[in-house]
Amino acid sequence: MGETIEPLISGGTVTGLHQRVTLTSPDHRLDLDLVLDRELADPGDRITVDGTAPLDLHLAGGYDGTGGAVAEIVTALGHCTELAPSFYRPADLPLRFG
């Protein structure tokens, strides 16, 4: 796995970040490229799959993940009812799927 995070700078001010992550296995490679910048000329989300059935999907304007993150937190709390009151790291929480 390789990862880089670089600041995006415009006019001497940090306007965002550019994060790249590469995961590899003997048979596959996954590249994640995230740009968060308040000064993007054409904001949006893009998913590109280079495979036997190529896919290039662009969501104009992007998807605000805040609502999704809140829903995930609320759902996760419902699965933690058997835990004693305390401070827990995400890795300490029980995993449940479905």
Protein backbone atom coordinates (compact mmCIF):
# COMPACT_ATOMS: atom_id res chain seq x y z
CA MET A 1 0.00 0.00 0.00
CA GLY A 2 1.22 3.47 -0.79
CA GLU A 3 -0.33 6.77 0.25
CA THR A 4 0.42 10.45 -0.29
CA ILE A 5 -1.43 13.52 0.99
CA GLU A 6 -0.46 16.92 -0.35
CA PRO A 7 -1.91 20.36 0.37
CA LEU A 8 -3.50 22.29 -2.48
CA ILE A 9 -2.41 25.92 -2.42
CA SER A 10 -3.82 28.90 -4.32
CA GLY A 11 -2.48 32.43 -3.86
CA GLY A 12 -0.51 31.40 -0.77
CA THR A 13 -3.60 29.92 0.94
CA VAL A 14 -4.28 26.23 1.49
CA THR A 15 -7.55 25.50 -0.31
CA GLY A 16 -7.71 21.73 0.08
CA LEU A 17 -5.83 18.47 -0.18
CA HIS A 18 -4.96 15.80 -2.73
CA GLN A 19 -4.79 12.25 -1.38
CA ARG A 20 -3.69 9.22 -3.39
CA VAL A 21 -3.77 5.61 -2.20
CA THR A 22 -2.62 2.56 -4.16
CA LEU A 23 -3.42 -0.98 -3.07
CA THR A 24 -1.93 -3.91 -4.96
CA SER A 25 -2.16 -7.66 -4.89
CA PRO A 26 -0.63 -10.19 -7.27
CA ASP A 27 -3.70 -9.99 -9.54
CA HIS A 28 -5.24 -6.55 -8.93
CA ARG A 29 -4.48 -2.90 -8.42
CA LEU A 30 -6.74 -0.27 -6.86
CA ASP A 31 -5.96 3.44 -7.14
CA LEU A 32 -7.93 5.92 -5.06
CA ASP A 33 -7.53 9.59 -5.91
CA LEU A 34 -9.30 12.15 -3.71
CA VAL A 35 -9.24 15.90 -4.28
CA LEU A 36 -10.93 18.16 -1.74
CA ASP A 37 -10.58 21.75 -2.88
CA ARG A 38 -12.91 24.67 -2.27
CA GLU A 39 -11.79 26.26 -5.54
CA LEU A 40 -12.50 23.44 -8.01
CA ALA A 41 -13.72 24.79 -11.34
CA ASP A 42 -15.82 21.67 -12.07
CA PRO A 43 -16.59 19.87 -8.79
CA GLY A 44 -17.87 16.36 -8.99
CA ASP A 45 -17.25 12.74 -8.17
CA ARG A 46 -15.78 10.34 -10.72
CA ILE A 47 -15.59 6.56 -10.65
CA THR A 48 -13.42 4.91 -13.28
CA VAL A 49 -13.04 1.16 -13.67
CA ASP A 50 -10.47 -0.10 -16.15
CA GLY A 51 -11.51 -3.71 -16.60
CA THR A 52 -13.19 -6.10 -19.00
CA ALA A 53 -16.29 -3.91 -18.78
CA PRO A 54 -14.84 -0.38 -18.58
CA LEU A 55 -16.81 2.22 -16.64
CA ASP A 56 -16.39 5.99 -16.38
CA LEU A 57 -19.06 7.65 -14.25
CA HIS A 58 -19.10 11.37 -13.42
CA LEU A 59 -21.53 12.81 -10.85
CA ALA A 60 -21.71 16.52 -11.66
CA GLY A 61 -21.54 18.62 -8.51
CA GLY A 62 -20.44 15.63 -6.46
CA TYR A 63 -22.13 13.82 -3.60
CA ASP A 64 -22.11 15.37 -0.14
CA GLY A 65 -21.17 12.49 2.13
CA THR A 66 -22.13 14.25 5.38
CA GLY A 67 -25.63 12.74 5.49
CA GLY A 68 -24.24 9.29 4.76
CA ALA A 69 -21.62 9.59 7.50
CA VAL A 70 -24.25 10.63 10.06
CA ALA A 71 -26.47 7.69 9.04
CA GLU A 72 -23.54 5.27 9.43
CA ILE A 73 -22.76 6.60 12.93
CA VAL A 74 -26.38 6.36 14.08
CA THR A 75 -26.70 2.84 12.65
CA ALA A 76 -23.43 1.77 14.32
CA LEU A 77 -24.61 3.04 17.70
CA GLY A 78 -27.66 0.80 17.45
CA HIS A 79 -25.33 -2.21 17.20
CA CYS A 80 -23.39 -1.24 20.33
CA THR A 81 -26.15 -1.59 22.92
CA GLU A 82 -24.44 -4.51 24.67
CA LEU A 83 -21.26 -2.52 25.38
CA ALA A 84 -20.63 -1.04 28.81
CA PRO A 85 -20.38 2.78 28.92
CA SER A 86 -16.81 3.74 28.08
CA PHE A 87 -14.61 5.25 25.40
CA TYR A 88 -14.15 2.91 22.42
CA ARG A 89 -11.97 3.12 19.35
CA PRO A 90 -13.65 2.14 16.06
CA ALA A 91 -11.49 -1.01 15.99
CA ASP A 92 -12.98 -2.05 19.38
CA LEU A 93 -16.57 -2.03 18.16
CA PRO A 94 -18.36 -5.22 17.13
CA LEU A 95 -18.65 -5.71 13.37
CA ARG A 96 -22.07 -6.61 12.04
CA PHE A 97 -23.19 -6.85 8.47
CA GLY A 98 -26.70 -6.90 7.08
